Amino acid sequence: MQGCFITLEGVDGAGKSSHLDWLADWFRNRGRTVRLTREPGGTPIGEKLRELVLHQPMQPDTEALVMFAARREHIETLIRPALAAGEVVISDRFTDASFAYQCGGRGLPESRLELLEQWVQEGLQPDLTLLFDLAPEEAARRLASARDPDRFERERRDFHERVRDAYLRRARAQPERIRIIDGGRPLAEVRSQLQRLLESWA
């Protein structure tokens, strides 16, 4: 059975992580083997780099390089082997997040990340990306009661506006791959939308 690579994206607090287990069960109920993972992270080295990038101040270029270093390890040691084995890989974030946060949020040139994308991914792209869209003010309200914020979550509102705008631009540019999910709707309605989308896509 052919492997399948699905990614979940969105501003912090948009609700994407709330649907990871549900998505995994949807595929498992159809007889598929599922691998859940996340970025940055997903591997022992990736998890160490995650702690650095989420909690240690660094220059924007350094931040992007750390993200792609973790991504290369993730691809080579987890994603590609799982896909080759016919598994469904569901990742909480992938390269769209780099373009949203490091280009949209930090202001790095997209051309710089495009070079890293070509080098690190060697053509690998998700088969489907679910973009959970939510206004940054609502996302911030949700996060305020959830956990201690990391250094991305502590950024000003205009940073998160730029991140959201960058995500939406990518969705408009790649509508076949990136499907927008309204993260502001009640959980049951979001699940219904996801089910309809998956049934028409799978």
C-alpha atoms as a PDB file:
ATOM      1  CA  MET A   1       0.000   0.000   0.000  1.00  0.00           C
ATOM      2  CA  GLN A   2       1.315   3.426  -0.933  1.00  0.00           C
ATOM      3  CA  GLY A   3       2.465   5.740   1.845  1.00  0.00           C
ATOM      4  CA  CYS A   4       0.731   9.061   2.433  1.00  0.00           C
ATOM      5  CA  PHE A   5       2.092  12.257   3.992  1.00  0.00           C
ATOM      6  CA  ILE A   6      -0.343  14.650   5.681  1.00  0.00           C
ATOM      7  CA  THR A   7       0.593  17.822   7.548  1.00  0.00           C
ATOM      8  CA  LEU A   8      -1.352  20.098   9.885  1.00  0.00           C
ATOM      9  CA  GLU A   9      -0.581  23.812   9.944  1.00  0.00           C
ATOM     10  CA  GLY A  10      -1.852  27.041  11.472  1.00  0.00           C
ATOM     11  CA  VAL A  11      -1.028  29.807  13.906  1.00  0.00           C
ATOM     12  CA  ASP A  12      -0.360  28.752  17.502  1.00  0.00           C
ATOM     13  CA  GLY A  13      -3.729  28.198  19.166  1.00  0.00           C
ATOM     14  CA  ALA A  14      -5.671  27.464  15.968  1.00  0.00           C
ATOM     15  CA  GLY A  15      -6.568  23.995  17.248  1.00  0.00           C
ATOM     16  CA  LYS A  16      -4.670  21.757  14.836  1.00  0.00           C
ATOM     17  CA  SER A  17      -3.148  19.595  17.599  1.00  0.00           C
ATOM     18  CA  SER A  18      -6.650  18.810  18.907  1.00  0.00           C
ATOM     19  CA  HIS A  19      -7.345  16.796  15.763  1.00  0.00           C
ATOM     20  CA  LEU A  20      -4.173  14.714  15.433  1.00  0.00           C
ATOM     21  CA  ASP A  21      -5.476  11.645  17.263  1.00  0.00           C
ATOM     22  CA  TRP A  22      -8.855  11.874  15.503  1.00  0.00           C
ATOM     23  CA  LEU A  23      -7.148  11.939  12.105  1.00  0.00           C
ATOM     24  CA  ALA A  24      -4.949   8.999  13.061  1.00  0.00           C
ATOM     25  CA  ASP A  25      -8.014   6.991  14.121  1.00  0.00           C
ATOM     26  CA  TRP A  26      -9.801   7.886  10.868  1.00  0.00           C
ATOM     27  CA  PHE A  27      -7.027   6.230   8.868  1.00  0.00           C
ATOM     28  CA  ARG A  28      -6.557   3.329  11.300  1.00  0.00           C
ATOM     29  CA  ASN A  29     -10.256   2.519  11.008  1.00  0.00           C
ATOM     30  CA  ARG A  30      -9.607   2.079   7.285  1.00  0.00           C
ATOM     31  CA  GLY A  31      -6.826  -0.395   7.882  1.00  0.00           C
ATOM     32  CA  ARG A  32      -3.860   1.947   7.593  1.00  0.00           C
ATOM     33  CA  THR A  33      -0.765   2.067   9.777  1.00  0.00           C
ATOM     34  CA  VAL A  34      -0.287   5.623  11.046  1.00  0.00           C
ATOM     35  CA  ARG A  35       2.810   7.440  12.274  1.00  0.00           C
ATOM     36  CA  LEU A  36       2.157  10.636  14.267  1.00  0.00           C
ATOM     37  CA  THR A  37       5.010  13.117  14.498  1.00  0.00           C
ATOM     38  CA  ARG A  38       5.768  16.835  14.813  1.00  0.00           C
ATOM     39  CA  GLU A  39       8.112  19.631  13.788  1.00  0.00           C
ATOM     40  CA  PRO A  40      10.441  20.754  14.999  1.00  0.00           C
ATOM     41  CA  GLY A  41      11.043  17.366  16.577  1.00  0.00           C
ATOM     42  CA  GLY A  42      10.026  13.855  15.622  1.00  0.00           C
ATOM     43  CA  THR A  43      13.461  12.349  16.273  1.00  0.00           C
ATOM     44  CA  PRO A  44      15.825  12.395  19.275  1.00  0.00           C
ATOM     45  CA  ILE A  45      18.016  15.050  17.620  1.00  0.00           C
ATOM     46  CA  GLY A  46      14.958  16.936  16.408  1.00  0.00           C
ATOM     47  CA  GLU A  47      13.504  17.096  19.915  1.00  0.00           C
ATOM     48  CA  LYS A  48      16.748  18.587  21.272  1.00  0.00           C
ATOM     49  CA  LEU A  49      16.708  21.177  18.498  1.00  0.00           C
ATOM     50  CA  ARG A  50      13.045  21.870  19.264  1.00  0.00           C
ATOM     51  CA  GLU A  51      13.932  22.875  22.820  1.00  0.00           C
ATOM     52  CA  LEU A  52      16.577  25.251  21.513  1.00  0.00           C
ATOM     53  CA  VAL A  53      14.419  26.897  18.879  1.00  0.00           C
ATOM     54  CA  LEU A  54      11.361  27.304  21.112  1.00  0.00           C
ATOM     55  CA  HIS A  55      13.158  28.645  24.166  1.00  0.00           C
ATOM     56  CA  GLN A  56      16.561  30.111  23.267  1.00  0.00           C
ATOM     57  CA  PRO A  57      16.890  33.544  21.619  1.00  0.00           C
ATOM     58  CA  MET A  58      18.629  33.388  18.234  1.00  0.00           C
ATOM     59  CA  GLN A  59      18.967  35.298  14.995  1.00  0.00           C
ATOM     60  CA  PRO A  60      16.269  34.693  12.346  1.00  0.00           C
ATOM     61  CA  ASP A  61      18.737  33.052   9.942  1.00  0.00           C
ATOM     62  CA  THR A  62      19.955  30.758  12.723  1.00  0.00           C
ATOM     63  CA  GLU A  63      16.353  29.906  13.565  1.00  0.00           C
ATOM     64  CA  ALA A  64      15.629  28.910   9.958  1.00  0.00           C
ATOM     65  CA  LEU A  65      18.784  26.803   9.725  1.00  0.00           C
ATOM     66  CA  VAL A  66      17.982  24.981  12.976  1.00  0.00           C
ATOM     67  CA  MET A  67      14.465  24.255  11.705  1.00  0.00           C
ATOM     68  CA  PHE A  68      15.768  22.783   8.467  1.00  0.00           C
ATOM     69  CA  ALA A  69      18.498  20.805  10.236  1.00  0.00           C
ATOM     70  CA  ALA A  70      15.817  19.177  12.394  1.00  0.00           C
ATOM     71  CA  ARG A  71      13.710  18.654   9.259  1.00  0.00           C
ATOM     72  CA  ARG A  72      16.479  16.839   7.390  1.00  0.00           C
ATOM     73  CA  GLU A  73      16.918  14.414  10.293  1.00  0.00           C
ATOM     74  CA  HIS A  74      13.134  13.989  10.469  1.00  0.00           C
ATOM     75  CA  ILE A  75      12.822  13.223   6.758  1.00  0.00           C
ATOM     76  CA  GLU A  76      15.696  10.777   6.543  1.00  0.00           C
ATOM     77  CA  THR A  77      15.144   8.823   9.759  1.00  0.00           C
ATOM     78  CA  LEU A  78      11.342   8.840  10.106  1.00  0.00           C
ATOM     79  CA  ILE A  79       9.282  10.258   7.236  1.00  0.00           C
ATOM     80  CA  ARG A  80      10.849   8.596   4.183  1.00  0.00           C
ATOM     81  CA  PRO A  81      11.195   5.143   5.845  1.00  0.00           C
ATOM     82  CA  ALA A  82       7.574   5.258   7.044  1.00  0.00           C
ATOM     83  CA  LEU A  83       6.300   6.280   3.609  1.00  0.00           C
ATOM     84  CA  ALA A  84       8.375   3.555   1.976  1.00  0.00           C
ATOM     85  CA  ALA A  85       6.719   1.061   4.335  1.00  0.00           C
ATOM     86  CA  GLY A  86       3.272   2.226   3.177  1.00  0.00           C
ATOM     87  CA  GLU A  87       2.376   4.100   6.343  1.00  0.00           C
ATOM     88  CA  VAL A  88       0.322   7.273   6.717  1.00  0.00           C
ATOM     89  CA  VAL A  89       2.559   9.942   8.229  1.00  0.00           C
ATOM     90  CA  ILE A  90       0.701  12.773   9.985  1.00  0.00           C
ATOM     91  CA  SER A  91       2.931  15.632  11.082  1.00  0.00           C
ATOM     92  CA  ASP A  92       2.071  18.574  13.308  1.00  0.00           C
ATOM     93  CA  ARG A  93       3.792  21.191  11.081  1.00  0.00           C
ATOM     94  CA  PHE A  94       6.262  20.914   8.220  1.00  0.00           C
ATOM     95  CA  THR A  95       7.854  23.341   5.747  1.00  0.00           C
ATOM     96  CA  ASP A  96       4.792  25.579   5.347  1.00  0.00           C
ATOM     97  CA  ALA A  97       5.423  26.609   8.953  1.00  0.00           C
ATOM     98  CA  SER A  98       8.932  27.785   8.062  1.00  0.00           C
ATOM     99  CA  PHE A  99       7.615  29.975   5.271  1.00  0.00           C
ATOM    100  CA  ALA A 100       4.886  31.302   7.574  1.00  0.00           C
ATOM    101  CA  TYR A 101       6.993  31.953  10.687  1.00  0.00           C
ATOM    102  CA  GLN A 102      10.478  32.661   9.369  1.00  0.00           C
ATOM    103  CA  CYS A 103       9.446  34.464   6.157  1.00  0.00           C
ATOM    104  CA  GLY A 104       6.060  35.885   7.108  1.00  0.00           C
ATOM    105  CA  GLY A 105       6.760  36.481  10.782  1.00  0.00           C
ATOM    106  CA  ARG A 106      10.505  37.216  10.806  1.00  0.00           C
ATOM    107  CA  GLY A 107      10.773  38.726   7.343  1.00  0.00           C
ATOM    108  CA  LEU A 108      13.380  36.399   5.806  1.00  0.00           C
ATOM    109  CA  PRO A 109      13.402  36.308   1.994  1.00  0.00           C
ATOM    110  CA  GLU A 110      11.429  33.391   0.611  1.00  0.00           C
ATOM    111  CA  SER A 111      14.226  32.689  -1.868  1.00  0.00           C
ATOM    112  CA  ARG A 112      16.518  31.798   1.030  1.00  0.00           C
ATOM    113  CA  LEU A 113      14.117  29.165   2.375  1.00  0.00           C
ATOM    114  CA  GLU A 114      13.379  27.859  -1.109  1.00  0.00           C
ATOM    115  CA  LEU A 115      17.062  26.932  -1.422  1.00  0.00           C
ATOM    116  CA  LEU A 116      16.955  25.135   1.928  1.00  0.00           C
ATOM    117  CA  GLU A 117      13.726  23.397   0.926  1.00  0.00           C
ATOM    118  CA  GLN A 118      15.301  22.053  -2.285  1.00  0.00           C
ATOM    119  CA  TRP A 119      18.428  20.876  -0.479  1.00  0.00           C
ATOM    120  CA  VAL A 120      16.786  19.334   2.588  1.00  0.00           C
ATOM    121  CA  GLN A 121      13.642  17.820   1.062  1.00  0.00           C
ATOM    122  CA  GLU A 122      14.865  16.714  -2.363  1.00  0.00           C
ATOM    123  CA  GLY A 123      11.366  17.005  -3.783  1.00  0.00           C
ATOM    124  CA  LEU A 124       9.437  15.610  -0.818  1.00  0.00           C
ATOM    125  CA  GLN A 125       6.161  17.464  -0.230  1.00  0.00           C
ATOM    126  CA  PRO A 126       3.028  16.592   1.746  1.00  0.00           C
ATOM    127  CA  ASP A 127       0.219  14.932  -0.174  1.00  0.00           C
ATOM    128  CA  LEU A 128      -2.304  16.966   1.814  1.00  0.00           C
ATOM    129  CA  THR A 129      -1.966  19.918   4.184  1.00  0.00           C
ATOM    130  CA  LEU A 130      -4.783  20.931   6.521  1.00  0.00           C
ATOM    131  CA  LEU A 131      -4.452  24.617   7.386  1.00  0.00           C
ATOM    132  CA  PHE A 132      -6.398  25.487  10.531  1.00  0.00           C
ATOM    133  CA  ASP A 133      -7.189  29.169  10.186  1.00  0.00           C
ATOM    134  CA  LEU A 134      -8.051  31.377  13.151  1.00  0.00           C
ATOM    135  CA  ALA A 135      -7.819  35.084  13.905  1.00  0.00           C
ATOM    136  CA  PRO A 136      -4.691  35.729  16.018  1.00  0.00           C
ATOM    137  CA  GLU A 137      -6.661  37.461  18.781  1.00  0.00           C
ATOM    138  CA  GLU A 138      -8.825  34.369  19.266  1.00  0.00           C
ATOM    139  CA  ALA A 139      -5.765  32.119  19.096  1.00  0.00           C
ATOM    140  CA  ALA A 140      -4.068  34.223  21.774  1.00  0.00           C
ATOM    141  CA  ARG A 141      -7.139  33.958  23.996  1.00  0.00           C
ATOM    142  CA  ARG A 142      -7.067  30.169  23.739  1.00  0.00           C
ATOM    143  CA  LEU A 143      -3.353  29.995  24.488  1.00  0.00           C
ATOM    144  CA  ALA A 144      -3.628  32.242  27.536  1.00  0.00           C
ATOM    145  CA  SER A 145      -5.376  29.490  29.453  1.00  0.00           C
ATOM    146  CA  ALA A 146      -3.502  26.536  27.936  1.00  0.00           C
ATOM    147  CA  ARG A 147       0.174  26.609  28.976  1.00  0.00           C
ATOM    148  CA  ASP A 148       3.242  28.747  29.495  1.00  0.00           C
ATOM    149  CA  PRO A 149       3.981  30.352  26.116  1.00  0.00           C
ATOM    150  CA  ASP A 150       7.147  29.621  24.139  1.00  0.00           C
ATOM    151  CA  ARG A 151       9.058  32.445  22.474  1.00  0.00           C
ATOM    152  CA  PHE A 152       6.946  32.289  19.293  1.00  0.00           C
ATOM    153  CA  GLU A 153       3.710  32.450  21.260  1.00  0.00           C
ATOM    154  CA  ARG A 154       5.035  35.484  23.165  1.00  0.00           C
ATOM    155  CA  GLU A 155       5.472  37.491  19.959  1.00  0.00           C
ATOM    156  CA  ARG A 156       3.363  40.606  19.358  1.00  0.00           C
ATOM    157  CA  ARG A 157       0.002  40.454  17.606  1.00  0.00           C
ATOM    158  CA  ASP A 158       1.397  41.881  14.352  1.00  0.00           C
ATOM    159  CA  PHE A 159       3.868  38.963  14.145  1.00  0.00           C
ATOM    160  CA  HIS A 160       1.002  36.472  14.286  1.00  0.00           C
ATOM    161  CA  GLU A 161      -0.968  38.500  11.733  1.00  0.00           C
ATOM    162  CA  ARG A 162       1.967  38.215   9.333  1.00  0.00           C
ATOM    163  CA  VAL A 163       2.224  34.473  10.007  1.00  0.00           C
ATOM    164  CA  ARG A 164      -1.462  33.999   9.267  1.00  0.00           C
ATOM    165  CA  ASP A 165      -1.243  36.086   6.087  1.00  0.00           C
ATOM    166  CA  ALA A 166       1.737  34.022   4.890  1.00  0.00           C
ATOM    167  CA  TYR A 167      -0.173  30.789   5.473  1.00  0.00           C
ATOM    168  CA  LEU A 168      -3.182  32.059   3.553  1.00  0.00           C
ATOM    169  CA  ARG A 169      -1.011  33.213   0.646  1.00  0.00           C
ATOM    170  CA  ARG A 170       0.477  29.720   0.395  1.00  0.00           C
ATOM    171  CA  ALA A 171      -3.003  28.193   0.507  1.00  0.00           C
ATOM    172  CA  ARG A 172      -4.134  30.423  -2.361  1.00  0.00           C
ATOM    173  CA  ALA A 173      -1.023  29.483  -4.351  1.00  0.00           C
ATOM    174  CA  GLN A 174      -1.411  25.727  -3.753  1.00  0.00           C
ATOM    175  CA  PRO A 175      -5.156  25.065  -3.352  1.00  0.00           C
ATOM    176  CA  GLU A 176      -4.960  21.395  -4.389  1.00  0.00           C
ATOM    177  CA  ARG A 177      -2.576  20.537  -1.557  1.00  0.00           C
ATOM    178  CA  ILE A 178      -3.455  23.068   1.150  1.00  0.00           C
ATOM    179  CA  ARG A 179      -7.060  22.944   2.358  1.00  0.00           C
ATOM    180  CA  ILE A 180      -8.297  25.636   4.753  1.00  0.00           C
ATOM    181  CA  ILE A 181     -10.184  24.530   7.866  1.00  0.00           C
ATOM    182  CA  ASP A 182     -12.113  27.139   9.882  1.00  0.00           C
ATOM    183  CA  GLY A 183     -10.513  26.778  13.306  1.00  0.00           C
ATOM    184  CA  GLY A 184     -13.067  29.084  14.899  1.00  0.00           C
ATOM    185  CA  ARG A 185     -15.996  26.701  14.490  1.00  0.00           C
ATOM    186  CA  PRO A 186     -17.124  24.293  17.236  1.00  0.00           C
ATOM    187  CA  LEU A 187     -15.147  21.065  17.496  1.00  0.00           C
ATOM    188  CA  ALA A 188     -17.965  18.877  16.144  1.00  0.00           C
ATOM    189  CA  GLU A 189     -18.352  21.087  13.068  1.00  0.00           C
ATOM    190  CA  VAL A 190     -14.619  21.040  12.403  1.00  0.00           C
ATOM    191  CA  ARG A 191     -14.617  17.244  12.624  1.00  0.00           C
ATOM    192  CA  SER A 192     -17.524  17.058  10.179  1.00  0.00           C
ATOM    193  CA  GLN A 193     -15.634  19.286   7.741  1.00  0.00           C
ATOM    194  CA  LEU A 194     -12.529  17.147   8.114  1.00  0.00           C
ATOM    195  CA  GLN A 195     -14.478  13.945   7.513  1.00  0.00           C
ATOM    196  CA  ARG A 196     -16.105  15.297   4.349  1.00  0.00           C
ATOM    197  CA  LEU A 197     -12.740  16.508   3.074  1.00  0.00           C
ATOM    198  CA  LEU A 198     -10.961  13.228   3.773  1.00  0.00           C
ATOM    199  CA  GLU A 199     -13.717  11.135   2.222  1.00  0.00           C
ATOM    200  CA  SER A 200     -13.573  13.173  -0.987  1.00  0.00           C
ATOM    201  CA  TRP A 201      -9.764  13.239  -1.024  1.00  0.00           C
ATOM    202  CA  ALA A 202      -8.774   9.706   0.022  1.00  0.00           C
END
